[in-house]
Amino acid sequence: MAKTNSSQSTLNHKLLKYCIIPAGGLGTRWSPVTNYIPKAMIPLIDRPTIDWIVKEAIDSGCSEIILVIDKGKQLVKKHLLSTKRFTKRANLRFIYKSRIRGVAEVMYLAKRIVKDNYFSMIVSDHPCFYKTAPLRQMARKFNRHINSSDNVCLLGFAKYPKYNNQYYGECLLKKWKDLYQIHHLCPRAKNPNKVHHPGSKLRIAGRYIISPKLFPIIKECLNTKKTGDLSDWDIFPLANKKGMIYSAMEIKSYFLDMGTPETYGQATQFLLKKGKDFYGSKRSF
């Protein structure tokens, strides 16, 4: 038994050592606010949103946290490097990007640090509350159900609050053991309020454990589509066609959506109604 626990601990470390956090972008849905402050610095209650995300990565056991930010917006870097509760627990590394190419470019820019290792990623506008950090939940599931192949990615899905009627990231999933197989990654809808798959309550939650085998596919996507935003919706279907396996699991956490002023207002209102005990006791920072 001790051997198994030791091997699981080693695999957890391999899966979770590196965590990429995209913390840049134009933030067009938040304009004109984002002309003056990065979206990641918009406060949720009494902390910038990025604080909640970095804390989650640290709680997951990530020791190398790679934040991809815009060259012209140093506020995120300045704030985080002055926050000792983060810098004492993890190595915060910053990569600058000059183009707006979406999540695909963010992952590829981190390749020089990640190299041939598995890595995780957390998007910066979906903070959550948890007893066990989402990436830890995912690593455990990875250990239990996915073999030692380095050709597998695991995507986290979650149920969002009933008040949130945004359907970004809704997909067609089929149950497999206590995981899901992704049968269809829905494209980004022009109308995010429209349901694609009635009855589906799960949406992609912006938590990933990703194989380094994805890097050549990202490069191919970037070379094929020279301009414009490239997201996971572009990368994973192509990866699947090339033989990569991507599975999904439900994360047991309470997720909030900070992507638009409307969903941000709903999230803040919800937390204020719940009171300090709800968010304070699960935050501990």
Protein backbone atom coordinates (compact mmCIF):
# COMPACT_ATOMS: atom_id res chain seq x y z
CA MET A 1 0.00 0.00 0.00
CA ALA A 2 2.82 2.39 0.84
CA LYS A 3 4.25 1.87 -2.63
CA THR A 4 0.96 2.81 -4.28
CA ASN A 5 0.59 5.95 -2.21
CA SER A 6 4.16 6.93 -3.02
CA SER A 7 3.67 6.40 -6.76
CA GLN A 8 0.40 8.36 -6.69
CA SER A 9 2.13 11.20 -4.85
CA THR A 10 4.89 11.22 -7.49
CA LEU A 11 2.34 11.30 -10.32
CA ASN A 12 0.39 14.09 -8.60
CA HIS A 13 3.60 16.10 -8.41
CA LYS A 14 4.32 15.46 -12.09
CA LEU A 15 0.80 16.47 -13.11
CA LEU A 16 0.50 19.55 -10.91
CA LYS A 17 3.99 21.05 -10.66
CA TYR A 18 3.38 23.54 -13.47
CA CYS A 19 0.23 25.66 -13.66
CA ILE A 20 -0.43 28.19 -16.42
CA ILE A 21 -2.77 31.09 -15.70
CA PRO A 22 -3.79 33.28 -18.66
CA ALA A 23 -4.03 36.76 -17.11
CA GLY A 24 -3.90 39.01 -20.16
CA GLY A 25 -6.10 39.82 -23.13
CA LEU A 26 -8.06 42.86 -24.16
CA GLY A 27 -11.05 42.15 -21.95
CA THR A 28 -13.37 43.57 -24.61
CA ARG A 29 -16.52 42.45 -22.80
CA TRP A 30 -15.40 44.62 -19.86
CA SER A 31 -14.55 47.72 -21.92
CA PRO A 32 -14.02 50.57 -21.01
CA VAL A 33 -13.04 49.32 -17.51
CA THR A 34 -10.19 47.25 -18.98
CA ASN A 35 -8.72 50.35 -20.61
CA TYR A 36 -7.53 51.27 -17.11
CA ILE A 37 -7.27 48.04 -15.11
CA PRO A 38 -6.55 44.45 -16.21
CA LYS A 39 -9.60 42.19 -15.94
CA ALA A 40 -7.67 39.93 -13.58
CA MET A 41 -7.42 42.81 -11.09
CA ILE A 42 -11.16 43.50 -10.91
CA PRO A 43 -12.09 42.74 -7.28
CA LEU A 44 -14.39 39.99 -6.14
CA ILE A 45 -15.57 41.22 -2.71
CA ASP A 46 -12.28 42.44 -1.19
CA ARG A 47 -9.61 40.74 -3.33
CA PRO A 48 -8.61 40.99 -6.99
CA THR A 49 -9.95 38.02 -8.93
CA ILE A 50 -6.40 36.88 -9.69
CA ASP A 51 -5.79 36.32 -5.96
CA TRP A 52 -8.51 33.67 -5.83
CA ILE A 53 -7.02 31.91 -8.85
CA VAL A 54 -3.40 31.93 -7.65
CA LYS A 55 -4.47 30.69 -4.23
CA GLU A 56 -6.34 27.82 -5.87
CA ALA A 57 -3.22 26.84 -7.84
CA ILE A 58 -1.14 26.88 -4.65
CA ASP A 59 -3.78 24.87 -2.76
CA SER A 60 -3.57 22.33 -5.58
CA GLY A 61 0.13 21.85 -4.91
CA CYS A 62 1.43 23.75 -7.95
CA SER A 63 4.93 25.02 -7.20
CA GLU A 64 5.68 26.69 -10.56
CA ILE A 65 2.91 29.14 -11.47
CA ILE A 66 3.27 30.71 -14.90
CA LEU A 67 1.22 33.86 -15.47
CA VAL A 68 0.91 35.07 -19.06
CA ILE A 69 0.27 38.80 -19.10
CA ASP A 70 0.31 41.72 -21.54
CA LYS A 71 3.49 43.76 -21.86
CA GLY A 72 1.70 47.00 -21.20
CA LYS A 73 -0.11 45.85 -18.05
CA GLN A 74 2.34 45.39 -15.19
CA LEU A 75 -0.21 45.79 -12.40
CA VAL A 76 -0.88 42.05 -12.11
CA LYS A 77 2.84 41.26 -11.76
CA LYS A 78 3.50 44.09 -9.32
CA HIS A 79 0.57 43.08 -7.13
CA LEU A 80 1.35 39.36 -7.00
CA LEU A 81 5.09 39.76 -6.36
CA SER A 82 4.29 42.00 -3.41
CA THR A 83 1.95 39.39 -1.93
CA LYS A 84 4.10 37.32 0.44
CA ARG A 85 1.41 34.72 1.14
CA PHE A 86 1.88 33.69 -2.51
CA THR A 87 5.61 34.22 -3.08
CA LYS A 88 6.51 32.19 0.02
CA ARG A 89 4.56 29.17 -1.20
CA ALA A 90 5.23 29.08 -4.96
CA ASN A 91 7.56 30.38 -7.63
CA LEU A 92 5.60 32.95 -9.65
CA ARG A 93 6.89 33.32 -13.19
CA PHE A 94 5.69 35.83 -15.76
CA ILE A 95 5.62 35.61 -19.53
CA TYR A 96 4.71 38.58 -21.71
CA LYS A 97 2.67 38.31 -24.86
CA SER A 98 2.40 40.95 -27.54
CA ARG A 99 -0.33 39.39 -29.70
CA ILE A 100 -3.93 38.51 -28.98
CA ARG A 101 -4.12 34.86 -30.04
CA GLY A 102 -6.13 33.38 -27.19
CA VAL A 103 -5.56 30.36 -24.95
CA ALA A 104 -3.63 28.48 -27.64
CA GLU A 105 -0.85 31.05 -27.71
CA VAL A 106 -0.82 31.28 -23.91
CA MET A 107 -0.10 27.55 -23.63
CA TYR A 108 2.51 27.61 -26.37
CA LEU A 109 4.38 30.54 -24.82
CA ALA A 110 4.77 28.51 -21.62
CA LYS A 111 6.40 25.62 -23.50
CA ARG A 112 9.92 26.89 -22.82
CA ILE A 113 9.27 26.51 -19.08
CA VAL A 114 7.06 23.43 -19.10
CA LYS A 115 9.20 21.57 -21.69
CA ASP A 116 8.17 17.89 -21.92
CA ASN A 117 6.18 17.80 -18.69
CA TYR A 118 2.48 17.57 -18.02
CA PHE A 119 1.00 20.88 -16.93
CA SER A 120 -2.26 22.28 -15.63
CA MET A 121 -4.12 25.45 -16.51
CA ILE A 122 -6.69 27.60 -14.71
CA VAL A 123 -8.53 30.41 -16.50
CA SER A 124 -8.50 33.66 -14.55
CA ASP A 125 -12.16 34.70 -14.69
CA HIS A 126 -13.87 31.67 -13.07
CA PRO A 127 -13.00 31.62 -9.36
CA CYS A 128 -14.51 28.90 -7.22
CA PHE A 129 -15.02 27.65 -3.65
CA TYR A 130 -13.91 24.19 -2.67
CA LYS A 131 -13.06 21.75 0.09
CA THR A 132 -10.50 20.07 -2.16
CA ALA A 133 -8.88 22.24 -4.83
CA PRO A 134 -10.18 21.37 -8.32
CA LEU A 135 -6.81 20.39 -9.79
CA ARG A 136 -6.22 18.01 -6.87
CA GLN A 137 -9.59 16.41 -7.59
CA MET A 138 -8.56 16.04 -11.23
CA ALA A 139 -5.13 14.56 -10.44
CA ARG A 140 -6.72 11.93 -8.21
CA LYS A 141 -9.17 10.98 -10.95
CA PHE A 142 -6.35 10.90 -13.49
CA ASN A 143 -4.40 8.50 -11.27
CA ARG A 144 -7.42 6.25 -10.76
CA HIS A 145 -8.71 5.90 -14.31
CA ILE A 146 -6.11 6.97 -16.82
CA ASN A 147 -3.08 4.80 -17.57
CA SER A 148 0.50 5.95 -17.80
CA SER A 149 0.10 7.10 -21.40
CA ASP A 150 1.35 10.62 -22.06
CA ASN A 151 -1.27 11.04 -24.77
CA VAL A 152 -4.17 12.02 -22.51
CA CYS A 153 -5.67 15.35 -21.43
CA LEU A 154 -8.29 15.79 -18.71
CA LEU A 155 -10.78 18.66 -18.80
CA GLY A 156 -12.74 19.83 -15.78
CA PHE A 157 -16.49 20.51 -16.02
CA ALA A 158 -18.82 21.91 -13.37
CA LYS A 159 -22.40 22.91 -12.63
CA TYR A 160 -22.76 26.67 -12.51
CA PRO A 161 -25.25 28.60 -10.34
CA LYS A 162 -28.87 28.58 -11.52
CA TYR A 163 -28.90 32.36 -11.84
CA ASN A 164 -26.18 32.19 -14.50
CA ASN A 165 -27.77 31.62 -17.88
CA GLN A 166 -24.56 31.78 -19.92
CA TYR A 167 -23.94 28.56 -21.86
CA TYR A 168 -20.32 29.07 -22.90
CA GLY A 169 -18.52 25.75 -22.74
CA GLU A 170 -21.56 23.51 -22.93
CA CYS A 171 -20.60 20.16 -24.51
CA LEU A 172 -22.07 16.78 -25.32
CA LEU A 173 -20.71 14.34 -22.74
CA LYS A 174 -21.21 10.61 -22.33
CA LYS A 175 -20.69 8.94 -18.96
CA TRP A 176 -17.71 6.56 -18.73
CA LYS A 177 -16.98 5.01 -15.31
CA ASP A 178 -16.99 8.13 -13.14
CA LEU A 179 -15.51 10.21 -15.94
CA TYR A 180 -17.03 11.46 -19.19
CA GLN A 181 -16.04 11.08 -22.80
CA ILE A 182 -16.39 14.30 -24.78
CA HIS A 183 -18.42 13.53 -27.90
CA HIS A 184 -18.82 17.11 -29.08
CA LEU A 185 -17.10 20.34 -28.08
CA CYS A 186 -19.69 22.94 -28.99
CA PRO A 187 -18.33 25.99 -30.81
CA ARG A 188 -18.57 29.35 -29.08
CA ALA A 189 -22.18 30.37 -29.55
CA LYS A 190 -23.12 33.76 -30.94
CA ASN A 191 -26.00 33.60 -28.50
CA PRO A 192 -24.53 32.34 -25.19
CA ASN A 193 -28.03 32.08 -23.69
CA LYS A 194 -29.06 29.33 -26.10
CA VAL A 195 -28.96 25.71 -24.91
CA HIS A 196 -27.21 23.29 -27.29
CA HIS A 197 -27.90 20.06 -25.44
CA PRO A 198 -31.09 20.26 -23.34
CA GLY A 199 -30.73 18.56 -19.98
CA SER A 200 -26.96 19.03 -19.80
CA LYS A 201 -26.00 20.93 -16.65
CA LEU A 202 -22.24 20.69 -17.00
CA ARG A 203 -20.07 23.36 -18.61
CA ILE A 204 -16.34 23.50 -19.10
CA ALA A 205 -14.89 25.07 -15.96
CA GLY A 206 -11.52 26.32 -17.17
CA ARG A 207 -9.47 23.67 -15.34
CA TYR A 208 -7.21 21.40 -17.37
CA ILE A 209 -4.49 18.79 -16.98
CA ILE A 210 -2.66 18.73 -20.30
CA SER A 211 -0.13 16.46 -21.95
CA PRO A 212 2.97 18.07 -23.55
CA LYS A 213 2.02 16.07 -26.66
CA LEU A 214 -0.46 18.89 -27.30
CA PHE A 215 2.31 21.42 -28.07
CA PRO A 216 2.94 20.35 -31.71
CA ILE A 217 -0.82 20.51 -32.34
CA ILE A 218 -1.02 24.01 -30.88
CA LYS A 219 1.88 25.04 -33.11
CA GLU A 220 0.06 23.62 -36.14
CA CYS A 221 -3.08 25.56 -35.22
CA LEU A 222 -1.14 28.80 -34.81
CA ASN A 223 0.64 28.31 -38.14
CA THR A 224 -2.57 27.40 -39.97
CA LYS A 225 -4.60 30.29 -38.60
CA LYS A 226 -2.23 33.25 -38.66
CA THR A 227 -4.56 35.76 -37.03
CA GLY A 228 -7.44 35.74 -34.59
CA ASP A 229 -8.28 34.10 -31.29
CA LEU A 230 -7.52 30.39 -30.90
CA SER A 231 -9.15 28.59 -27.99
CA ASP A 232 -9.44 25.08 -26.61
CA TRP A 233 -12.39 24.70 -29.00
CA ASP A 234 -9.88 24.90 -31.87
CA ILE A 235 -7.15 22.74 -30.33
CA PHE A 236 -8.87 19.72 -28.80
CA PRO A 237 -10.95 18.56 -31.80
CA LEU A 238 -7.79 18.60 -33.94
CA ALA A 239 -5.89 16.78 -31.19
CA ASN A 240 -8.60 14.12 -31.10
CA LYS A 241 -8.37 13.62 -34.86
CA LYS A 242 -4.63 13.05 -34.45
CA GLY A 243 -5.15 10.34 -31.88
CA MET A 244 -4.95 12.22 -28.61
CA ILE A 245 -7.45 11.29 -25.95
CA TYR A 246 -9.30 13.89 -23.94
CA SER A 247 -11.63 12.97 -21.13
CA ALA A 248 -13.76 15.04 -18.79
CA MET A 249 -14.77 14.94 -15.14
CA GLU A 250 -17.14 16.86 -12.92
CA ILE A 251 -15.40 19.05 -10.36
CA LYS A 252 -17.11 19.22 -6.98
CA SER A 253 -16.75 22.94 -6.31
CA TYR A 254 -18.91 26.07 -6.45
CA PHE A 255 -18.00 28.11 -9.52
CA LEU A 256 -18.61 31.76 -10.29
CA ASP A 257 -18.39 33.45 -13.68
CA MET A 258 -16.55 36.80 -13.87
CA GLY A 259 -16.38 36.90 -17.67
CA THR A 260 -18.86 39.74 -18.21
CA PRO A 261 -20.11 42.65 -16.09
CA GLU A 262 -23.50 40.93 -15.93
CA THR A 263 -22.20 37.61 -14.59
CA TYR A 264 -19.79 39.48 -12.29
CA GLY A 265 -22.72 41.41 -10.82
CA GLN A 266 -24.64 38.18 -10.30
CA ALA A 267 -21.66 36.53 -8.60
CA THR A 268 -21.03 39.48 -6.27
CA GLN A 269 -24.70 39.77 -5.36
CA PHE A 270 -24.84 36.06 -4.61
CA LEU A 271 -21.81 36.18 -2.32
CA LEU A 272 -23.06 39.24 -0.47
CA LYS A 273 -26.37 37.50 0.16
CA LYS A 274 -24.56 34.41 1.45
CA GLY A 275 -22.54 36.49 3.86
CA LYS A 276 -18.94 36.51 4.96
CA ASP A 277 -18.99 33.02 6.46
CA PHE A 278 -19.70 31.51 3.06
CA TYR A 279 -16.71 32.96 1.25
CA GLY A 280 -14.44 33.77 4.17
CA SER A 281 -14.27 30.29 5.68
CA LYS A 282 -13.33 28.70 2.36
CA ARG A 283 -10.80 31.36 1.47
CA SER A 284 -8.49 31.45 4.49
CA PHE A 285 -6.29 34.25 3.15
